[in-house]
C-alpha atoms as a PDB file:
ATOM      1  CA  MET A   1    -166.013 246.598 105.791  1.00  0.00           C
ATOM      2  CA  SER A   2    -165.545 248.068 102.356  1.00  0.00           C
ATOM      3  CA  ASP A   3    -168.530 248.908 100.153  1.00  0.00           C
ATOM      4  CA  PRO A   4    -167.820 247.203  96.843  1.00  0.00           C
ATOM      5  CA  VAL A   5    -169.044 248.656  93.532  1.00  0.00           C
ATOM      6  CA  PHE A   6    -169.263 245.708  91.194  1.00  0.00           C
ATOM      7  CA  ARG A   7    -169.387 247.696  88.003  1.00  0.00           C
ATOM      8  CA  ARG A   8    -168.317 251.243  87.530  1.00  0.00           C
ATOM      9  CA  PRO A   9    -169.588 253.342  84.600  1.00  0.00           C
ATOM     10  CA  ALA A  10    -167.242 253.107  81.647  1.00  0.00           C
ATOM     11  CA  ASN A  11    -168.113 256.485  80.195  1.00  0.00           C
ATOM     12  CA  VAL A  12    -168.535 260.058  81.345  1.00  0.00           C
ATOM     13  CA  LEU A  13    -170.816 262.140  79.167  1.00  0.00           C
ATOM     14  CA  SER A  14    -171.509 265.786  78.780  1.00  0.00           C
ATOM     15  CA  LEU A  15    -175.058 266.792  79.612  1.00  0.00           C
ATOM     16  CA  ALA A  16    -175.652 267.468  75.923  1.00  0.00           C
ATOM     17  CA  ALA A  17    -174.458 264.010  74.937  1.00  0.00           C
ATOM     18  CA  ALA A  18    -176.552 262.376  77.693  1.00  0.00           C
ATOM     19  CA  ALA A  19    -179.653 264.262  76.543  1.00  0.00           C
ATOM     20  CA  ALA A  20    -179.029 263.224  72.939  1.00  0.00           C
ATOM     21  CA  ALA A  21    -178.627 259.575  73.993  1.00  0.00           C
ATOM     22  CA  ALA A  22    -181.985 259.765  75.727  1.00  0.00           C
ATOM     23  CA  GLY A  23    -183.601 261.596  72.784  1.00  0.00           C
ATOM     24  CA  CYS A  24    -184.443 264.619  74.895  1.00  0.00           C
ATOM     25  CA  ALA A  25    -184.023 268.367  74.331  1.00  0.00           C
ATOM     26  CA  LEU A  26    -182.014 270.385  76.825  1.00  0.00           C
ATOM     27  CA  PRO A  27    -183.976 273.249  78.445  1.00  0.00           C
ATOM     28  CA  ALA A  28    -182.667 276.745  77.763  1.00  0.00           C
ATOM     29  CA  GLY A  29    -179.974 277.981  80.136  1.00  0.00           C
ATOM     30  CA  CYS A  30    -178.402 274.626  80.839  1.00  0.00           C
ATOM     31  CA  ASP A  31    -174.685 274.096  80.614  1.00  0.00           C
ATOM     32  CA  PRO A  32    -174.357 271.525  77.782  1.00  0.00           C
ATOM     33  CA  GLU A  33    -170.769 270.692  78.856  1.00  0.00           C
ATOM     34  CA  ARG A  34    -171.621 269.777  82.395  1.00  0.00           C
ATOM     35  CA  LEU A  35    -170.242 266.322  83.088  1.00  0.00           C
ATOM     36  CA  ILE A  36    -172.549 263.436  83.991  1.00  0.00           C
ATOM     37  CA  VAL A  37    -170.992 260.256  85.418  1.00  0.00           C
ATOM     38  CA  GLY A  38    -173.928 257.867  85.395  1.00  0.00           C
ATOM     39  CA  VAL A  39    -177.504 257.121  86.411  1.00  0.00           C
ATOM     40  CA  ALA A  40    -179.074 256.262  89.770  1.00  0.00           C
ATOM     41  CA  THR A  41    -182.408 256.176  91.582  1.00  0.00           C
ATOM     42  CA  LEU A  42    -184.119 259.383  92.623  1.00  0.00           C
ATOM     43  CA  ALA A  43    -183.121 258.772  96.217  1.00  0.00           C
ATOM     44  CA  LEU A  44    -179.461 257.940  95.565  1.00  0.00           C
ATOM     45  CA  ALA A  45    -178.601 260.176  92.566  1.00  0.00           C
ATOM     46  CA  ALA A  46    -175.877 262.728  93.194  1.00  0.00           C
ATOM     47  CA  ARG A  47    -175.391 266.111  91.548  1.00  0.00           C
ATOM     48  CA  ASP A  48    -173.456 264.556  88.665  1.00  0.00           C
ATOM     49  CA  GLN A  49    -176.004 261.777  87.899  1.00  0.00           C
ATOM     50  CA  LEU A  50    -179.321 261.459  86.132  1.00  0.00           C
ATOM     51  CA  ALA A  51    -182.469 259.783  87.508  1.00  0.00           C
ATOM     52  CA  LEU A  52    -185.876 258.619  86.297  1.00  0.00           C
ATOM     53  CA  ALA A  53    -189.388 259.543  87.423  1.00  0.00           C
ATOM     54  CA  ALA A  54    -191.708 257.394  85.376  1.00  0.00           C
ATOM     55  CA  ASP A  55    -195.051 258.257  86.903  1.00  0.00           C
ATOM     56  CA  GLU A  56    -196.851 260.060  89.747  1.00  0.00           C
ATOM     57  CA  SER A  57    -196.098 257.310  92.251  1.00  0.00           C
ATOM     58  CA  VAL A  58    -192.591 258.742  92.764  1.00  0.00           C
ATOM     59  CA  LEU A  59    -193.542 262.388  93.266  1.00  0.00           C
ATOM     60  CA  PRO A  60    -192.234 262.506  96.891  1.00  0.00           C
ATOM     61  CA  GLU A  61    -188.865 261.072  95.814  1.00  0.00           C
ATOM     62  CA  LEU A  62    -188.784 263.450  92.842  1.00  0.00           C
ATOM     63  CA  ALA A  63    -189.321 266.459  95.118  1.00  0.00           C
ATOM     64  CA  ALA A  64    -186.382 265.453  97.291  1.00  0.00           C
ATOM     65  CA  THR A  65    -183.927 264.247  94.666  1.00  0.00           C
ATOM     66  CA  ARG A  66    -180.455 265.815  94.307  1.00  0.00           C
ATOM     67  CA  ALA A  67    -179.944 264.508  90.747  1.00  0.00           C
ATOM     68  CA  ALA A  68    -178.431 266.773  88.105  1.00  0.00           C
ATOM     69  CA  GLY A  69    -181.267 265.823  85.809  1.00  0.00           C
ATOM     70  CA  CYS A  70    -184.318 263.612  85.669  1.00  0.00           C
ATOM     71  CA  LEU A  71    -186.080 261.943  82.811  1.00  0.00           C
ATOM     72  CA  VAL A  72    -189.784 262.554  83.133  1.00  0.00           C
ATOM     73  CA  PRO A  73    -192.974 262.311  81.005  1.00  0.00           C
ATOM     74  CA  PRO A  74    -194.489 265.708  80.066  1.00  0.00           C
ATOM     75  CA  ALA A  75    -197.069 265.473  82.850  1.00  0.00           C
ATOM     76  CA  LEU A  76    -194.338 265.452  85.501  1.00  0.00           C
ATOM     77  CA  ALA A  77    -192.098 268.212  84.088  1.00  0.00           C
ATOM     78  CA  ALA A  78    -193.618 270.867  86.375  1.00  0.00           C
ATOM     79  CA  HIS A  79    -192.825 268.704  89.467  1.00  0.00           C
ATOM     80  CA  VAL A  80    -189.055 268.602  88.859  1.00  0.00           C
ATOM     81  CA  PRO A  81    -187.260 270.660  91.548  1.00  0.00           C
ATOM     82  CA  ALA A  82    -185.532 273.844  90.527  1.00  0.00           C
ATOM     83  CA  TRP A  83    -182.034 272.439  91.060  1.00  0.00           C
ATOM     84  CA  THR A  84    -182.693 269.467  88.781  1.00  0.00           C
ATOM     85  CA  ILE A  85    -182.902 269.635  84.981  1.00  0.00           C
ATOM     86  CA  ALA A  86    -186.068 268.227  83.513  1.00  0.00           C
ATOM     87  CA  LEU A  87    -185.365 265.953  80.571  1.00  0.00           C
ATOM     88  CA  VAL A  88    -188.785 265.420  79.077  1.00  0.00           C
ATOM     89  CA  SER A  89    -189.557 262.280  77.081  1.00  0.00           C
ATOM     90  CA  GLU A  90    -192.781 260.676  75.839  1.00  0.00           C
ATOM     91  CA  ALA A  91    -191.176 257.319  76.738  1.00  0.00           C
ATOM     92  CA  PRO A  92    -188.934 258.049  79.755  1.00  0.00           C
ATOM     93  CA  VAL A  93    -188.374 254.424  80.794  1.00  0.00           C
ATOM     94  CA  GLU A  94    -187.051 253.467  77.415  1.00  0.00           C
ATOM     95  CA  ALA A  95    -184.995 256.664  77.190  1.00  0.00           C
ATOM     96  CA  PHE A  96    -183.480 255.919  80.568  1.00  0.00           C
ATOM     97  CA  ALA A  97    -182.509 252.408  79.432  1.00  0.00           C
ATOM     98  CA  ARG A  98    -180.751 253.821  76.359  1.00  0.00           C
ATOM     99  CA  LEU A  99    -178.970 256.309  78.534  1.00  0.00           C
ATOM    100  CA  ALA A 100    -177.789 253.716  81.056  1.00  0.00           C
ATOM    101  CA  ALA A 101    -176.394 251.654  78.171  1.00  0.00           C
ATOM    102  CA  ARG A 102    -174.341 254.634  77.019  1.00  0.00           C
ATOM    103  CA  PHE A 103    -172.690 254.981  80.417  1.00  0.00           C
ATOM    104  CA  ASP A 104    -171.855 251.276  80.593  1.00  0.00           C
ATOM    105  CA  PRO A 105    -172.175 249.425  77.314  1.00  0.00           C
ATOM    106  CA  GLU A 106    -171.261 246.169  79.092  1.00  0.00           C
ATOM    107  CA  THR A 107    -173.937 246.394  81.704  1.00  0.00           C
ATOM    108  CA  ARG A 108    -176.121 243.681  80.191  1.00  0.00           C
ATOM    109  CA  ARG A 109    -173.310 241.302  79.269  1.00  0.00           C
ATOM    110  CA  PRO A 110    -171.908 238.541  81.521  1.00  0.00           C
ATOM    111  CA  SER A 111    -168.395 239.395  82.664  1.00  0.00           C
ATOM    112  CA  VAL A 112    -165.324 237.301  81.825  1.00  0.00           C
ATOM    113  CA  TRP A 113    -162.325 238.119  84.002  1.00  0.00           C
ATOM    114  CA  LEU A 114    -158.915 236.925  82.865  1.00  0.00           C
ATOM    115  CA  ASP A 115    -155.491 237.899  84.180  1.00  0.00           C
ATOM    116  CA  ALA A 116    -153.505 238.098  80.989  1.00  0.00           C
ATOM    117  CA  GLU A 117    -154.225 235.277  78.563  1.00  0.00           C
ATOM    118  CA  MET A 118    -157.139 235.584  76.183  1.00  0.00           C
ATOM    119  CA  ILE A 119    -157.595 231.807  76.464  1.00  0.00           C
ATOM    120  CA  ASP A 120    -157.079 230.571  79.999  1.00  0.00           C
ATOM    121  CA  ARG A 121    -154.748 227.618  80.298  1.00  0.00           C
ATOM    122  CA  ARG A 122    -157.396 225.825  82.294  1.00  0.00           C
ATOM    123  CA  ALA A 123    -159.861 225.901  79.394  1.00  0.00           C
ATOM    124  CA  LEU A 124    -160.100 222.922  77.058  1.00  0.00           C
ATOM    125  CA  VAL A 125    -160.183 223.847  73.355  1.00  0.00           C
ATOM    126  CA  ALA A 126    -160.241 221.127  70.693  1.00  0.00           C
ATOM    127  CA  ALA A 127    -157.324 221.159  68.304  1.00  0.00           C
ATOM    128  CA  ASP A 128    -159.513 221.759  65.258  1.00  0.00           C
ATOM    129  CA  ALA A 129    -161.774 224.424  66.840  1.00  0.00           C
ATOM    130  CA  LYS A 130    -161.444 227.817  65.133  1.00  0.00           C
ATOM    131  CA  LEU A 131    -161.268 230.910  67.244  1.00  0.00           C
ATOM    132  CA  GLU A 132    -160.998 234.298  65.571  1.00  0.00           C
ATOM    133  CA  PRO A 133    -158.860 237.113  67.069  1.00  0.00           C
ATOM    134  CA  GLY A 134    -159.958 238.585  70.372  1.00  0.00           C
ATOM    135  CA  VAL A 135    -161.911 235.598  71.662  1.00  0.00           C
ATOM    136  CA  ARG A 136    -161.694 235.313  75.455  1.00  0.00           C
ATOM    137  CA  VAL A 137    -162.148 231.941  77.141  1.00  0.00           C
ATOM    138  CA  ALA A 138    -162.426 231.686  80.911  1.00  0.00           C
ATOM    139  CA  PRO A 139    -161.182 228.787  83.154  1.00  0.00           C
ATOM    140  CA  GLY A 140    -162.941 225.497  82.806  1.00  0.00           C
ATOM    141  CA  ALA A 141    -164.684 226.320  79.528  1.00  0.00           C
ATOM    142  CA  VAL A 142    -164.820 223.589  76.896  1.00  0.00           C
ATOM    143  CA  ILE A 143    -164.888 224.203  73.136  1.00  0.00           C
ATOM    144  CA  GLY A 144    -165.525 221.034  71.194  1.00  0.00           C
ATOM    145  CA  PRO A 145    -164.152 219.683  67.872  1.00  0.00           C
ATOM    146  CA  GLY A 146    -165.026 221.718  64.798  1.00  0.00           C
ATOM    147  CA  ALA A 147    -166.613 224.562  66.748  1.00  0.00           C
ATOM    148  CA  GLU A 148    -166.075 228.047  65.416  1.00  0.00           C
ATOM    149  CA  ILE A 149    -166.096 231.213  67.580  1.00  0.00           C
ATOM    150  CA  GLY A 150    -166.228 234.716  66.071  1.00  0.00           C
ATOM    151  CA  ALA A 151    -163.964 237.631  66.939  1.00  0.00           C
ATOM    152  CA  ALA A 152    -164.346 239.500  70.224  1.00  0.00           C
ATOM    153  CA  THR A 153    -166.645 236.893  71.772  1.00  0.00           C
ATOM    154  CA  SER A 154    -166.238 236.013  75.442  1.00  0.00           C
ATOM    155  CA  ILE A 155    -166.945 232.587  76.922  1.00  0.00           C
ATOM    156  CA  GLY A 156    -167.512 232.308  80.704  1.00  0.00           C
ATOM    157  CA  ALA A 157    -166.168 229.849  83.172  1.00  0.00           C
ATOM    158  CA  ASN A 158    -167.262 226.215  82.715  1.00  0.00           C
ATOM    159  CA  ALA A 159    -169.286 227.002  79.653  1.00  0.00           C
ATOM    160  CA  VAL A 160    -169.527 224.174  77.072  1.00  0.00           C
ATOM    161  CA  ILE A 161    -169.531 224.835  73.341  1.00  0.00           C
ATOM    162  CA  GLU A 162    -170.241 221.424  71.793  1.00  0.00           C
ATOM    163  CA  ALA A 163    -168.851 219.978  68.566  1.00  0.00           C
ATOM    164  CA  GLY A 164    -169.648 221.825  65.374  1.00  0.00           C
ATOM    165  CA  VAL A 165    -171.391 224.782  67.012  1.00  0.00           C
ATOM    166  CA  ARG A 166    -171.015 228.161  65.323  1.00  0.00           C
ATOM    167  CA  VAL A 167    -170.923 231.320  67.472  1.00  0.00           C
ATOM    168  CA  GLY A 168    -170.757 234.703  65.835  1.00  0.00           C
ATOM    169  CA  ARG A 169    -168.758 237.876  66.596  1.00  0.00           C
ATOM    170  CA  GLY A 170    -169.085 240.083  69.655  1.00  0.00           C
ATOM    171  CA  CYS A 171    -171.098 237.600  71.677  1.00  0.00           C
ATOM    172  CA  ALA A 172    -171.068 237.271  75.480  1.00  0.00           C
ATOM    173  CA  ILE A 173    -171.634 233.743  76.798  1.00  0.00           C
ATOM    174  CA  GLY A 174    -171.974 233.442  80.612  1.00  0.00           C
ATOM    175  CA  ALA A 175    -170.652 230.917  83.012  1.00  0.00           C
ATOM    176  CA  HIS A 176    -172.050 227.368  82.918  1.00  0.00           C
ATOM    177  CA  VAL A 177    -173.843 227.886  79.588  1.00  0.00           C
ATOM    178  CA  THR A 178    -174.060 224.881  77.287  1.00  0.00           C
ATOM    179  CA  ILE A 179    -174.578 225.266  73.499  1.00  0.00           C
ATOM    180  CA  GLY A 180    -175.081 222.290  71.224  1.00  0.00           C
ATOM    181  CA  HIS A 181    -176.476 221.717  67.695  1.00  0.00           C
ATOM    182  CA  ALA A 182    -176.722 225.513  67.313  1.00  0.00           C
ATOM    183  CA  LEU A 183    -175.890 228.386  65.042  1.00  0.00           C
ATOM    184  CA  VAL A 184    -175.473 231.614  67.041  1.00  0.00           C
ATOM    185  CA  GLY A 185    -175.377 235.012  65.334  1.00  0.00           C
ATOM    186  CA  ASP A 186    -173.426 238.132  66.163  1.00  0.00           C
ATOM    187  CA  ARG A 187    -173.790 240.273  69.330  1.00  0.00           C
ATOM    188  CA  VAL A 188    -175.786 237.571  71.102  1.00  0.00           C
ATOM    189  CA  VAL A 189    -175.851 237.709  74.947  1.00  0.00           C
ATOM    190  CA  ILE A 190    -176.422 234.404  76.830  1.00  0.00           C
ATOM    191  CA  HIS A 191    -176.620 234.775  80.566  1.00  0.00           C
ATOM    192  CA  PRO A 192    -175.244 232.169  83.033  1.00  0.00           C
ATOM    193  CA  GLY A 193    -176.700 228.723  83.198  1.00  0.00           C
ATOM    194  CA  ALA A 194    -178.666 228.885  79.947  1.00  0.00           C
ATOM    195  CA  ARG A 195    -178.972 225.717  77.832  1.00  0.00           C
ATOM    196  CA  ILE A 196    -179.098 226.003  74.064  1.00  0.00           C
ATOM    197  CA  GLY A 197    -179.912 223.060  71.801  1.00  0.00           C
ATOM    198  CA  VAL A 198    -181.237 220.715  74.421  1.00  0.00           C
ATOM    199  CA  ILE A 199    -183.224 217.576  73.549  1.00  0.00           C
ATOM    200  CA  GLU A 200    -186.905 217.908  74.402  1.00  0.00           C
ATOM    201  CA  PRO A 201    -188.017 215.019  76.672  1.00  0.00           C
ATOM    202  CA  GLY A 202    -190.684 212.985  74.973  1.00  0.00           C
ATOM    203  CA  GLY A 203    -190.512 215.121  71.854  1.00  0.00           C
ATOM    204  CA  PRO A 204    -189.984 214.174  68.218  1.00  0.00           C
ATOM    205  CA  PRO A 205    -186.632 212.825  66.883  1.00  0.00           C
ATOM    206  CA  CYS A 206    -184.062 215.591  67.124  1.00  0.00           C
ATOM    207  CA  LEU A 207    -182.960 216.285  63.575  1.00  0.00           C
ATOM    208  CA  GLY A 208    -182.902 220.050  63.597  1.00  0.00           C
ATOM    209  CA  ARG A 209    -180.854 222.848  65.127  1.00  0.00           C
ATOM    210  CA  ALA A 210    -181.276 225.825  67.389  1.00  0.00           C
ATOM    211  CA  ILE A 211    -180.753 228.976  65.331  1.00  0.00           C
ATOM    212  CA  ILE A 212    -180.097 232.134  67.345  1.00  0.00           C
ATOM    213  CA  GLN A 213    -180.073 235.183  65.118  1.00  0.00           C
ATOM    214  CA  ASP A 214    -178.197 238.462  65.724  1.00  0.00           C
ATOM    215  CA  ALA A 215    -178.604 240.542  68.843  1.00  0.00           C
ATOM    216  CA  VAL A 216    -180.728 237.995  70.780  1.00  0.00           C
ATOM    217  CA  GLU A 217    -180.574 238.026  74.596  1.00  0.00           C
ATOM    218  CA  ILE A 218    -181.208 234.826  76.546  1.00  0.00           C
ATOM    219  CA  GLY A 219    -181.760 234.990  80.301  1.00  0.00           C
ATOM    220  CA  ALA A 220    -180.093 232.977  83.033  1.00  0.00           C
ATOM    221  CA  ASN A 221    -181.133 229.259  83.210  1.00  0.00           C
ATOM    222  CA  ALA A 222    -183.392 229.493  80.141  1.00  0.00           C
ATOM    223  CA  ALA A 223    -183.518 226.442  77.915  1.00  0.00           C
ATOM    224  CA  ILE A 224    -183.893 226.355  74.104  1.00  0.00           C
ATOM    225  CA  ALA A 225    -184.683 222.967  72.551  1.00  0.00           C
ATOM    226  CA  ARG A 226    -183.024 222.043  69.278  1.00  0.00           C
ATOM    227  CA  GLY A 227    -185.350 221.442  66.387  1.00  0.00           C
ATOM    228  CA  GLY A 228    -187.132 218.151  65.832  1.00  0.00           C
ATOM    229  CA  ALA A 229    -188.219 217.856  62.219  1.00  0.00           C
ATOM    230  CA  ALA A 230    -187.286 221.518  61.518  1.00  0.00           C
ATOM    231  CA  ASP A 231    -185.223 224.139  63.302  1.00  0.00           C
ATOM    232  CA  THR A 232    -185.986 226.120  66.489  1.00  0.00           C
ATOM    233  CA  ILE A 233    -185.461 229.742  65.595  1.00  0.00           C
ATOM    234  CA  LEU A 234    -185.023 232.898  67.694  1.00  0.00           C
ATOM    235  CA  GLY A 235    -185.412 235.924  65.442  1.00  0.00           C
ATOM    236  CA  GLU A 236    -183.117 238.892  65.425  1.00  0.00           C
ATOM    237  CA  GLY A 237    -183.318 241.010  68.637  1.00  0.00           C
ATOM    238  CA  ALA A 238    -185.572 238.546  70.463  1.00  0.00           C
ATOM    239  CA  VAL A 239    -185.409 238.323  74.248  1.00  0.00           C
ATOM    240  CA  VAL A 240    -185.834 235.115  76.289  1.00  0.00           C
ATOM    241  CA  ALA A 241    -186.620 235.614  79.970  1.00  0.00           C
ATOM    242  CA  ALA A 242    -184.680 233.914  82.737  1.00  0.00           C
ATOM    243  CA  CYS A 243    -185.868 230.288  83.320  1.00  0.00           C
ATOM    244  CA  ALA A 244    -188.002 230.292  80.197  1.00  0.00           C
ATOM    245  CA  TYR A 245    -188.326 227.157  78.065  1.00  0.00           C
ATOM    246  CA  LEU A 246    -188.615 227.236  74.243  1.00  0.00           C
ATOM    247  CA  ALA A 247    -189.939 224.022  72.773  1.00  0.00           C
ATOM    248  CA  CYS A 248    -188.478 222.381  69.687  1.00  0.00           C
ATOM    249  CA  ASP A 249    -189.509 223.682  66.271  1.00  0.00           C
ATOM    250  CA  THR A 250    -190.695 226.991  67.797  1.00  0.00           C
ATOM    251  CA  VAL A 251    -190.159 230.218  65.787  1.00  0.00           C
ATOM    252  CA  VAL A 252    -189.826 233.474  67.640  1.00  0.00           C
ATOM    253  CA  ALA A 253    -190.389 236.578  65.528  1.00  0.00           C
ATOM    254  CA  ARG A 254    -187.813 239.359  65.236  1.00  0.00           C
ATOM    255  CA  PHE A 255    -187.775 241.399  68.464  1.00  0.00           C
ATOM    256  CA  GLY A 256    -190.234 239.004  70.082  1.00  0.00           C
ATOM    257  CA  ARG A 257    -190.146 238.074  73.727  1.00  0.00           C
ATOM    258  CA  VAL A 258    -190.408 234.674  75.390  1.00  0.00           C
ATOM    259  CA  ASP A 259    -191.563 234.834  78.983  1.00  0.00           C
ATOM    260  CA  ALA A 260    -190.918 232.208  81.634  1.00  0.00           C
ATOM    261  CA  ALA A 261    -194.584 231.204  81.693  1.00  0.00           C
ATOM    262  CA  ALA A 262    -195.318 231.091  78.004  1.00  0.00           C
ATOM    263  CA  GLY A 263    -193.640 231.843  74.703  1.00  0.00           C
ATOM    264  CA  GLY A 264    -194.612 235.363  73.717  1.00  0.00           C
ATOM    265  CA  GLY A 265    -194.144 236.234  70.117  1.00  0.00           C
ATOM    266  CA  ALA A 266    -193.557 232.532  69.339  1.00  0.00           C
ATOM    267  CA  SER A 267    -195.275 230.056  67.090  1.00  0.00           C
ATOM    268  CA  ARG A 268    -194.782 226.330  66.870  1.00  0.00           C
ATOM    269  CA  ARG A 269    -194.763 224.584  63.543  1.00  0.00           C
ATOM    270  CA  GLY A 270    -196.912 221.520  63.306  1.00  0.00           C
END
């Protein structure tokens, strides 16, 4: 049986570029042009990959790693084996996340696979919906009357964009997502199964909208209620965890986080 790799890194970086992406200085004597093809765990990293050792709990794995380089906090720098380059960071976990994103910028976006057409013939797009250039619509997706979709946005299989919804540019909308009574900004990522603009059971009359500002990420199967007397607002860069629920009229601050158990960084208007 073959061993499938579901997503291969899109970029190959020089060691110098990888270190710069992570915000780390290269130790003296390193070849800055050495090619790095991606990131992996300490145990699985090869000689052309970088790894992460966040704390002392992974010292045995660090000692045995074959990685080309390893992001470590200052306290672990002396534990990096001689054949591995120590990339020292005060915040190695965050640095590793930035680095992984450089190797594969699409790693946190739902995929939309189409053969040739940008709009699959099995999608249903209302005649008066407006789609800017580069919009990709997968089979079974529905885009309602008067909806507007910004350039380079992808819409997954069986997603529903209801009438009048506005979706910005460069967004990624996963399979089986529904969006209604909503304004969605640019570069928003909505993972499969999320529901945007739902009616809150037993709540106030639904007169408001769900406003999703730029660069928000909404996890799989999360639900965002539309506003009641006002609008429900997710501030720029906010993150909503998978299966979280955001009640109507809630405001989430810029770069706030909403967990599945409770709305972190959120306030509800009375």
